[in-house]
């Protein structure tokens, strides 16, 4: 009799020990009584009666879902590959277990579908320049769809957007053309400023006697600093003709003087 009583006591102790479960602070427990939802178990040590009661733990910390790369087509028919990261947490553990079979898998699939649809609604330029706006739209759509599951989507970040090689070359050419345009515009603006300054300088020299002569001498001095340079003066043809006529008259006088001296001898 004592042996049987001791055996019963041991069995009862084993059952009681196995009935004690621990729920951590970052977890919530979903308790079922005879297969029916009973209540949400708070953190701490709790007693779950064997056979008639069961439970399931749910982690309520923020979770990160790495959405794999998806092939999508933009509104202007450009094929791209895009991936993203989703941050979400469970605000109602009971709904996360009762309303959806596997909320991890469900959120991942919903994110992939939503991301492809969002990319298809925008053009390539909008996709590249307004990534934050697109991320917000994806976040709102996923959050609205997961509310019945007790899940709150906190943020969606687009990690990478991969373009075809042909499209990369086209974008590079567009960027190069834009830079060339900016360079031409800047050069034209410089020419305008230079012409204005030259006009002011010319007006100042015209009003100041000797200014042009001093400027000419200064230019000659700058050029003559390098002996490899050759300085060429442009002289009007009329001046050359006058110079020739003058030389002819002088030569005639020299010849007449020589002939006169010869006759005296």
C-alpha atoms as a PDB file:
ATOM      1  CA  UNK A   1       0.000   0.000   0.000  1.00  0.00           C
ATOM      2  CA  UNK A   2       2.808   2.360   0.880  1.00  0.00           C
ATOM      3  CA  UNK A   3       4.514   1.447  -2.379  1.00  0.00           C
ATOM      4  CA  UNK A   4       1.397   2.221  -4.387  1.00  0.00           C
ATOM      5  CA  UNK A   5       0.883   5.558  -2.563  1.00  0.00           C
ATOM      6  CA  UNK A   6       4.476   6.541  -3.240  1.00  0.00           C
ATOM      7  CA  UNK A   7       4.061   5.672  -6.919  1.00  0.00           C
ATOM      8  CA  UNK A   8       0.929   7.853  -7.158  1.00  0.00           C
ATOM      9  CA  UNK A   9       2.681  10.755  -5.490  1.00  0.00           C
ATOM     10  CA  UNK A  10       5.590  10.520  -7.923  1.00  0.00           C
ATOM     11  CA  UNK A  11       3.229  10.436 -10.893  1.00  0.00           C
ATOM     12  CA  UNK A  12       1.352  13.476  -9.558  1.00  0.00           C
ATOM     13  CA  UNK A  13       4.604  15.390  -9.054  1.00  0.00           C
ATOM     14  CA  UNK A  14       5.766  14.572 -12.592  1.00  0.00           C
ATOM     15  CA  UNK A  15       2.453  15.743 -14.008  1.00  0.00           C
ATOM     16  CA  UNK A  16       2.585  18.967 -12.004  1.00  0.00           C
ATOM     17  CA  UNK A  17       6.154  19.658 -13.060  1.00  0.00           C
ATOM     18  CA  UNK A  18       5.322  19.042 -16.694  1.00  0.00           C
ATOM     19  CA  UNK A  19       2.278  21.268 -16.346  1.00  0.00           C
ATOM     20  CA  UNK A  20       4.382  24.303 -15.390  1.00  0.00           C
ATOM     21  CA  UNK A  21       5.428  26.323 -18.433  1.00  0.00           C
ATOM     22  CA  UNK A  22       7.444  29.508 -18.708  1.00  0.00           C
ATOM     23  CA  UNK A  23       6.380  32.443 -20.875  1.00  0.00           C
ATOM     24  CA  UNK A  24       9.185  34.937 -21.434  1.00  0.00           C
ATOM     25  CA  UNK A  25       8.688  38.703 -21.318  1.00  0.00           C
ATOM     26  CA  UNK A  26       8.903  39.036 -25.114  1.00  0.00           C
ATOM     27  CA  UNK A  27       6.349  36.242 -25.648  1.00  0.00           C
ATOM     28  CA  UNK A  28       2.637  35.685 -25.246  1.00  0.00           C
ATOM     29  CA  UNK A  29       0.959  32.314 -24.839  1.00  0.00           C
ATOM     30  CA  UNK A  30      -2.273  31.239 -26.526  1.00  0.00           C
ATOM     31  CA  UNK A  31      -4.116  28.806 -24.248  1.00  0.00           C
ATOM     32  CA  UNK A  32      -6.607  26.240 -25.564  1.00  0.00           C
ATOM     33  CA  UNK A  33      -9.027  24.307 -23.358  1.00  0.00           C
ATOM     34  CA  UNK A  34     -10.339  21.151 -24.994  1.00  0.00           C
ATOM     35  CA  UNK A  35      -9.319  22.606 -28.369  1.00  0.00           C
ATOM     36  CA  UNK A  36     -11.082  25.939 -27.830  1.00  0.00           C
ATOM     37  CA  UNK A  37      -9.320  29.272 -27.390  1.00  0.00           C
ATOM     38  CA  UNK A  38      -9.321  30.144 -23.708  1.00  0.00           C
ATOM     39  CA  UNK A  39      -7.161  33.210 -23.108  1.00  0.00           C
ATOM     40  CA  UNK A  40      -3.812  34.887 -23.705  1.00  0.00           C
ATOM     41  CA  UNK A  41      -1.186  33.849 -21.174  1.00  0.00           C
ATOM     42  CA  UNK A  42       0.961  36.662 -19.744  1.00  0.00           C
ATOM     43  CA  UNK A  43       4.733  36.280 -19.099  1.00  0.00           C
ATOM     44  CA  UNK A  44       5.807  34.182 -16.115  1.00  0.00           C
ATOM     45  CA  UNK A  45       5.288  30.617 -14.854  1.00  0.00           C
ATOM     46  CA  UNK A  46       1.886  29.239 -15.721  1.00  0.00           C
ATOM     47  CA  UNK A  47       0.120  25.902 -15.222  1.00  0.00           C
ATOM     48  CA  UNK A  48      -1.188  24.040 -18.269  1.00  0.00           C
ATOM     49  CA  UNK A  49      -3.187  20.947 -17.373  1.00  0.00           C
ATOM     50  CA  UNK A  50      -2.122  17.935 -19.425  1.00  0.00           C
ATOM     51  CA  UNK A  51      -4.512  16.397 -21.945  1.00  0.00           C
ATOM     52  CA  UNK A  52      -7.296  18.967 -21.477  1.00  0.00           C
ATOM     53  CA  UNK A  53      -5.220  22.091 -22.117  1.00  0.00           C
ATOM     54  CA  UNK A  54      -2.577  23.075 -24.650  1.00  0.00           C
ATOM     55  CA  UNK A  55      -0.767  26.312 -25.491  1.00  0.00           C
ATOM     56  CA  UNK A  56       1.291  27.940 -28.190  1.00  0.00           C
ATOM     57  CA  UNK A  57       3.928  30.661 -27.792  1.00  0.00           C
ATOM     58  CA  UNK A  58       4.026  33.746 -29.988  1.00  0.00           C
ATOM     59  CA  UNK A  59       7.040  36.063 -30.192  1.00  0.00           C
ATOM     60  CA  UNK A  60       5.810  39.686 -30.138  1.00  0.00           C
ATOM     61  CA  UNK A  61       9.172  41.318 -30.910  1.00  0.00           C
ATOM     62  CA  UNK A  62       9.683  43.225 -34.146  1.00  0.00           C
ATOM     63  CA  UNK A  63      10.418  40.800 -36.961  1.00  0.00           C
ATOM     64  CA  UNK A  64      12.375  41.362 -40.153  1.00  0.00           C
ATOM     65  CA  UNK A  65      11.330  39.764 -43.428  1.00  0.00           C
ATOM     66  CA  UNK A  66      13.829  39.840 -46.280  1.00  0.00           C
ATOM     67  CA  UNK A  67      11.685  39.821 -49.391  1.00  0.00           C
ATOM     68  CA  UNK A  68      13.617  37.947 -52.123  1.00  0.00           C
ATOM     69  CA  UNK A  69      14.312  39.532 -55.493  1.00  0.00           C
ATOM     70  CA  UNK A  70      11.254  39.865 -57.670  1.00  0.00           C
ATOM     71  CA  UNK A  71      11.003  40.385 -61.423  1.00  0.00           C
ATOM     72  CA  UNK A  72       8.652  43.250 -62.139  1.00  0.00           C
ATOM     73  CA  UNK A  73       7.711  45.467 -65.078  1.00  0.00           C
ATOM     74  CA  UNK A  74       7.267  49.197 -64.587  1.00  0.00           C
ATOM     75  CA  UNK A  75       4.451  51.272 -66.007  1.00  0.00           C
ATOM     76  CA  UNK A  76       6.600  52.212 -69.023  1.00  0.00           C
ATOM     77  CA  UNK A  77       7.415  48.528 -69.748  1.00  0.00           C
ATOM     78  CA  UNK A  78      10.925  48.353 -68.285  1.00  0.00           C
ATOM     79  CA  UNK A  79      11.916  45.049 -66.678  1.00  0.00           C
ATOM     80  CA  UNK A  80      13.584  45.412 -63.254  1.00  0.00           C
ATOM     81  CA  UNK A  81      14.586  43.210 -60.336  1.00  0.00           C
ATOM     82  CA  UNK A  82      13.795  44.559 -56.892  1.00  0.00           C
ATOM     83  CA  UNK A  83      14.016  43.350 -53.297  1.00  0.00           C
ATOM     84  CA  UNK A  84      12.976  44.837 -49.970  1.00  0.00           C
ATOM     85  CA  UNK A  85      12.949  44.443 -46.195  1.00  0.00           C
ATOM     86  CA  UNK A  86       9.782  44.532 -44.079  1.00  0.00           C
ATOM     87  CA  UNK A  87       9.643  45.310 -40.353  1.00  0.00           C
ATOM     88  CA  UNK A  88       6.526  44.224 -38.487  1.00  0.00           C
ATOM     89  CA  UNK A  89       5.363  43.105 -35.060  1.00  0.00           C
ATOM     90  CA  UNK A  90       2.347  41.280 -33.604  1.00  0.00           C
ATOM     91  CA  UNK A  91      -0.044  43.404 -31.564  1.00  0.00           C
ATOM     92  CA  UNK A  92      -2.685  40.664 -31.092  1.00  0.00           C
ATOM     93  CA  UNK A  93      -1.184  37.212 -30.516  1.00  0.00           C
ATOM     94  CA  UNK A  94      -4.580  35.473 -30.591  1.00  0.00           C
ATOM     95  CA  UNK A  95      -5.402  36.741 -34.094  1.00  0.00           C
ATOM     96  CA  UNK A  96      -1.939  35.841 -35.372  1.00  0.00           C
ATOM     97  CA  UNK A  97      -2.610  32.206 -34.436  1.00  0.00           C
ATOM     98  CA  UNK A  98      -6.348  31.923 -35.028  1.00  0.00           C
ATOM     99  CA  UNK A  99      -6.813  33.985 -38.213  1.00  0.00           C
ATOM    100  CA  UNK A 100      -3.899  32.758 -40.346  1.00  0.00           C
ATOM    101  CA  UNK A 101      -2.135  29.411 -40.519  1.00  0.00           C
ATOM    102  CA  UNK A 102       1.455  30.687 -40.762  1.00  0.00           C
ATOM    103  CA  UNK A 103       1.770  34.448 -40.437  1.00  0.00           C
ATOM    104  CA  UNK A 104       5.516  34.418 -41.290  1.00  0.00           C
ATOM    105  CA  UNK A 105       4.859  32.845 -44.675  1.00  0.00           C
ATOM    106  CA  UNK A 106       1.685  34.861 -45.228  1.00  0.00           C
ATOM    107  CA  UNK A 107       3.429  38.211 -44.674  1.00  0.00           C
ATOM    108  CA  UNK A 108       6.291  37.234 -46.982  1.00  0.00           C
ATOM    109  CA  UNK A 109       3.977  36.225 -49.830  1.00  0.00           C
ATOM    110  CA  UNK A 110       1.803  39.300 -49.388  1.00  0.00           C
ATOM    111  CA  UNK A 111       4.889  41.524 -49.491  1.00  0.00           C
ATOM    112  CA  UNK A 112       6.116  39.973 -52.741  1.00  0.00           C
ATOM    113  CA  UNK A 113       2.762  40.396 -54.478  1.00  0.00           C
ATOM    114  CA  UNK A 114       2.278  43.947 -53.224  1.00  0.00           C
ATOM    115  CA  UNK A 115       5.792  44.951 -54.268  1.00  0.00           C
ATOM    116  CA  UNK A 116       5.288  43.705 -57.834  1.00  0.00           C
ATOM    117  CA  UNK A 117       1.952  45.502 -58.098  1.00  0.00           C
ATOM    118  CA  UNK A 118       3.427  48.739 -56.710  1.00  0.00           C
ATOM    119  CA  UNK A 119       6.321  48.665 -59.171  1.00  0.00           C
ATOM    120  CA  UNK A 120       3.919  48.092 -62.055  1.00  0.00           C
ATOM    121  CA  UNK A 121       1.988  51.245 -61.146  1.00  0.00           C
ATOM    122  CA  UNK A 122       4.929  53.663 -61.517  1.00  0.00           C
ATOM    123  CA  UNK A 123       7.370  54.556 -64.283  1.00  0.00           C
ATOM    124  CA  UNK A 124      11.097  53.881 -64.136  1.00  0.00           C
ATOM    125  CA  UNK A 125      11.915  57.517 -63.353  1.00  0.00           C
ATOM    126  CA  UNK A 126       9.435  57.530 -60.461  1.00  0.00           C
ATOM    127  CA  UNK A 127      10.815  54.227 -59.198  1.00  0.00           C
ATOM    128  CA  UNK A 128      14.373  55.563 -59.113  1.00  0.00           C
ATOM    129  CA  UNK A 129      13.645  59.071 -57.799  1.00  0.00           C
ATOM    130  CA  UNK A 130      10.748  58.387 -55.401  1.00  0.00           C
ATOM    131  CA  UNK A 131      11.784  55.207 -53.616  1.00  0.00           C
ATOM    132  CA  UNK A 132      10.660  56.479 -50.214  1.00  0.00           C
ATOM    133  CA  UNK A 133       7.205  57.331 -51.532  1.00  0.00           C
ATOM    134  CA  UNK A 134       6.886  53.884 -53.116  1.00  0.00           C
ATOM    135  CA  UNK A 135       8.029  52.243 -49.868  1.00  0.00           C
ATOM    136  CA  UNK A 136       5.360  54.140 -47.927  1.00  0.00           C
ATOM    137  CA  UNK A 137       2.667  53.009 -50.366  1.00  0.00           C
ATOM    138  CA  UNK A 138       3.759  49.366 -50.074  1.00  0.00           C
ATOM    139  CA  UNK A 139       3.809  49.669 -46.277  1.00  0.00           C
ATOM    140  CA  UNK A 140       0.262  51.059 -46.172  1.00  0.00           C
ATOM    141  CA  UNK A 141      -1.111  48.301 -48.425  1.00  0.00           C
ATOM    142  CA  UNK A 142       0.539  45.488 -46.456  1.00  0.00           C
ATOM    143  CA  UNK A 143      -0.454  47.018 -43.107  1.00  0.00           C
ATOM    144  CA  UNK A 144      -4.098  47.258 -44.153  1.00  0.00           C
ATOM    145  CA  UNK A 145      -4.090  43.635 -45.307  1.00  0.00           C
ATOM    146  CA  UNK A 146      -2.428  42.280 -42.148  1.00  0.00           C
ATOM    147  CA  UNK A 147      -4.552  44.149 -39.587  1.00  0.00           C
ATOM    148  CA  UNK A 148      -7.084  41.250 -39.395  1.00  0.00           C
ATOM    149  CA  UNK A 149      -4.143  38.970 -38.538  1.00  0.00           C
ATOM    150  CA  UNK A 150      -3.134  41.093 -35.546  1.00  0.00           C
ATOM    151  CA  UNK A 151       0.038  42.293 -37.298  1.00  0.00           C
ATOM    152  CA  UNK A 152       1.313  45.869 -37.499  1.00  0.00           C
ATOM    153  CA  UNK A 153       3.696  46.661 -40.371  1.00  0.00           C
ATOM    154  CA  UNK A 154       6.107  49.310 -39.125  1.00  0.00           C
ATOM    155  CA  UNK A 155       8.265  49.995 -42.159  1.00  0.00           C
ATOM    156  CA  UNK A 156       9.199  48.820 -45.655  1.00  0.00           C
ATOM    157  CA  UNK A 157      12.575  49.600 -47.199  1.00  0.00           C
ATOM    158  CA  UNK A 158      13.510  48.960 -50.831  1.00  0.00           C
ATOM    159  CA  UNK A 159      17.040  47.548 -50.712  1.00  0.00           C
ATOM    160  CA  UNK A 160      18.137  47.319 -54.319  1.00  0.00           C
ATOM    161  CA  UNK A 161      16.821  47.974 -57.822  1.00  0.00           C
ATOM    162  CA  UNK A 162      18.607  46.160 -60.633  1.00  0.00           C
ATOM    163  CA  UNK A 163      18.218  47.358 -64.216  1.00  0.00           C
ATOM    164  CA  UNK A 164      19.093  45.577 -67.489  1.00  0.00           C
ATOM    165  CA  UNK A 165      22.530  46.395 -68.916  1.00  0.00           C
ATOM    166  CA  UNK A 166      21.003  48.102 -71.977  1.00  0.00           C
ATOM    167  CA  UNK A 167      18.934  50.361 -69.763  1.00  0.00           C
ATOM    168  CA  UNK A 168      21.991  51.226 -67.662  1.00  0.00           C
ATOM    169  CA  UNK A 169      23.833  52.354 -70.799  1.00  0.00           C
ATOM    170  CA  UNK A 170      20.857  54.444 -71.896  1.00  0.00           C
ATOM    171  CA  UNK A 171      20.635  56.134 -68.501  1.00  0.00           C
ATOM    172  CA  UNK A 172      24.388  56.789 -68.588  1.00  0.00           C
ATOM    173  CA  UNK A 173      24.051  58.447 -72.006  1.00  0.00           C
ATOM    174  CA  UNK A 174      21.201  60.619 -70.754  1.00  0.00           C
ATOM    175  CA  UNK A 175      23.270  61.691 -67.752  1.00  0.00           C
ATOM    176  CA  UNK A 176      26.240  62.451 -70.023  1.00  0.00           C
ATOM    177  CA  UNK A 177      24.056  64.535 -72.334  1.00  0.00           C
ATOM    178  CA  UNK A 178      22.700  66.483 -69.362  1.00  0.00           C
ATOM    179  CA  UNK A 179      26.229  67.229 -68.163  1.00  0.00           C
ATOM    180  CA  UNK A 180      27.290  68.368 -71.641  1.00  0.00           C
ATOM    181  CA  UNK A 181      24.259  70.634 -71.799  1.00  0.00           C
ATOM    182  CA  UNK A 182      25.153  72.160 -68.441  1.00  0.00           C
ATOM    183  CA  UNK A 183      28.749  72.647 -69.605  1.00  0.00           C
ATOM    184  CA  UNK A 184      27.640  74.459 -72.782  1.00  0.00           C
ATOM    185  CA  UNK A 185      25.265  76.679 -70.823  1.00  0.00           C
ATOM    186  CA  UNK A 186      27.972  77.535 -68.296  1.00  0.00           C
ATOM    187  CA  UNK A 187      30.449  78.318 -71.067  1.00  0.00           C
ATOM    188  CA  UNK A 188      27.899  80.553 -72.819  1.00  0.00           C
ATOM    189  CA  UNK A 189      27.257  82.422 -69.573  1.00  0.00           C
ATOM    190  CA  UNK A 190      31.011  82.926 -69.216  1.00  0.00           C
ATOM    191  CA  UNK A 191      31.207  84.323 -72.741  1.00  0.00           C
ATOM    192  CA  UNK A 192      28.416  86.768 -71.952  1.00  0.00           C
ATOM    193  CA  UNK A 193      30.175  87.965 -68.801  1.00  0.00           C
ATOM    194  CA  UNK A 194      33.483  88.243 -70.677  1.00  0.00           C
ATOM    195  CA  UNK A 195      31.904  90.300 -73.475  1.00  0.00           C
ATOM    196  CA  UNK A 196      30.385  92.676 -70.926  1.00  0.00           C
ATOM    197  CA  UNK A 197      33.743  93.165 -69.225  1.00  0.00           C
ATOM    198  CA  UNK A 198      35.499  93.671 -72.583  1.00  0.00           C
ATOM    199  CA  UNK A 199      32.926  96.293 -73.536  1.00  0.00           C
ATOM    200  CA  UNK A 200      33.531  98.141 -70.268  1.00  0.00           C
ATOM    201  CA  UNK A 201      37.311  97.920 -70.766  1.00  0.00           C
ATOM    202  CA  UNK A 202      37.057  99.219 -74.355  1.00  0.00           C
ATOM    203  CA  UNK A 203      34.906 102.109 -73.241  1.00  0.00           C
ATOM    204  CA  UNK A 204      37.364 103.008 -70.495  1.00  0.00           C
ATOM    205  CA  UNK A 205      40.351 102.882 -72.888  1.00  0.00           C
ATOM    206  CA  UNK A 206      38.524 105.032 -75.429  1.00  0.00           C
ATOM    207  CA  UNK A 207      37.980 107.753 -72.831  1.00  0.00           C
ATOM    208  CA  UNK A 208      41.583 107.675 -71.529  1.00  0.00           C
ATOM    209  CA  UNK A 209      44.348 109.034 -73.847  1.00  0.00           C
ATOM    210  CA  UNK A 210      47.304 106.680 -74.152  1.00  0.00           C
ATOM    211  CA  UNK A 211      45.492 103.738 -72.567  1.00  0.00           C
ATOM    212  CA  UNK A 212      45.466 101.722 -75.772  1.00  0.00           C
ATOM    213  CA  UNK A 213      49.179 102.418 -76.306  1.00  0.00           C
ATOM    214  CA  UNK A 214      50.017 101.248 -72.781  1.00  0.00           C
ATOM    215  CA  UNK A 215      47.893  98.162 -73.246  1.00  0.00           C
ATOM    216  CA  UNK A 216      49.718  97.368 -76.502  1.00  0.00           C
ATOM    217  CA  UNK A 217      53.091  97.708 -74.825  1.00  0.00           C
ATOM    218  CA  UNK A 218      51.938  95.511 -71.967  1.00  0.00           C
ATOM    219  CA  UNK A 219      50.790  92.831 -74.413  1.00  0.00           C
ATOM    220  CA  UNK A 220      54.104  92.963 -76.272  1.00  0.00           C
ATOM    221  CA  UNK A 221      55.947  92.615 -72.983  1.00  0.00           C
ATOM    222  CA  UNK A 222      53.898  89.553 -72.060  1.00  0.00           C
ATOM    223  CA  UNK A 223      54.551  87.943 -75.423  1.00  0.00           C
ATOM    224  CA  UNK A 224      58.266  88.741 -75.441  1.00  0.00           C
ATOM    225  CA  UNK A 225      58.796  86.953 -72.109  1.00  0.00           C
ATOM    226  CA  UNK A 226      58.911  83.679 -74.048  1.00  0.00           C
ATOM    227  CA  UNK A 227      61.625  83.706 -76.731  1.00  0.00           C
ATOM    228  CA  UNK A 228      59.975  80.904 -78.648  1.00  0.00           C
ATOM    229  CA  UNK A 229      57.082  83.206 -79.576  1.00  0.00           C
ATOM    230  CA  UNK A 230      57.065  85.235 -82.786  1.00  0.00           C
ATOM    231  CA  UNK A 231      55.389  88.628 -82.770  1.00  0.00           C
ATOM    232  CA  UNK A 232      53.650  89.665 -85.990  1.00  0.00           C
ATOM    233  CA  UNK A 233      52.305  93.220 -86.519  1.00  0.00           C
ATOM    234  CA  UNK A 234      49.501  93.786 -88.968  1.00  0.00           C
ATOM    235  CA  UNK A 235      50.185  96.963 -91.001  1.00  0.00           C
ATOM    236  CA  UNK A 236      47.676  98.451 -93.470  1.00  0.00           C
ATOM    237  CA  UNK A 237      48.643  98.286 -97.182  1.00  0.00           C
ATOM    238  CA  UNK A 238      48.331 102.092 -97.538  1.00  0.00           C
ATOM    239  CA  UNK A 239      51.038 102.588 -94.939  1.00  0.00           C
ATOM    240  CA  UNK A 240      53.330 100.173 -96.790  1.00  0.00           C
ATOM    241  CA  UNK A 241      52.783 102.073-100.081  1.00  0.00           C
ATOM    242  CA  UNK A 242      53.573 105.361 -98.401  1.00  0.00           C
ATOM    243  CA  UNK A 243      56.703 103.844 -96.906  1.00  0.00           C
ATOM    244  CA  UNK A 244      57.808 102.619-100.355  1.00  0.00           C
ATOM    245  CA  UNK A 245      57.218 106.055-101.906  1.00  0.00           C
ATOM    246  CA  UNK A 246      59.265 107.688 -99.208  1.00  0.00           C
ATOM    247  CA  UNK A 247      62.138 105.295 -99.665  1.00  0.00           C
ATOM    248  CA  UNK A 248      62.144 105.962-103.439  1.00  0.00           C
ATOM    249  CA  UNK A 249      62.487 109.727-102.928  1.00  0.00           C
ATOM    250  CA  UNK A 250      65.344 109.353-100.511  1.00  0.00           C
ATOM    251  CA  UNK A 251      67.168 106.979-102.834  1.00  0.00           C
ATOM    252  CA  UNK A 252      66.887 109.488-105.704  1.00  0.00           C
ATOM    253  CA  UNK A 253      68.400 112.239-103.587  1.00  0.00           C
ATOM    254  CA  UNK A 254      71.286 109.984-102.614  1.00  0.00           C
ATOM    255  CA  UNK A 255      72.015 109.162-106.286  1.00  0.00           C
ATOM    256  CA  UNK A 256      71.885 112.849-107.319  1.00  0.00           C
ATOM    257  CA  UNK A 257      74.312 113.739-104.549  1.00  0.00           C
ATOM    258  CA  UNK A 258      76.779 111.074-105.677  1.00  0.00           C
ATOM    259  CA  UNK A 259      76.647 112.227-109.324  1.00  0.00           C
ATOM    260  CA  UNK A 260      77.259 115.835-108.272  1.00  0.00           C
ATOM    261  CA  UNK A 261      80.384 114.889-106.363  1.00  0.00           C
ATOM    262  CA  UNK A 262      81.713 112.943-109.322  1.00  0.00           C
ATOM    263  CA  UNK A 263      81.345 115.940-111.627  1.00  0.00           C
ATOM    264  CA  UNK A 264      83.250 118.203-109.280  1.00  0.00           C
ATOM    265  CA  UNK A 265      86.158 115.813-109.216  1.00  0.00           C
END
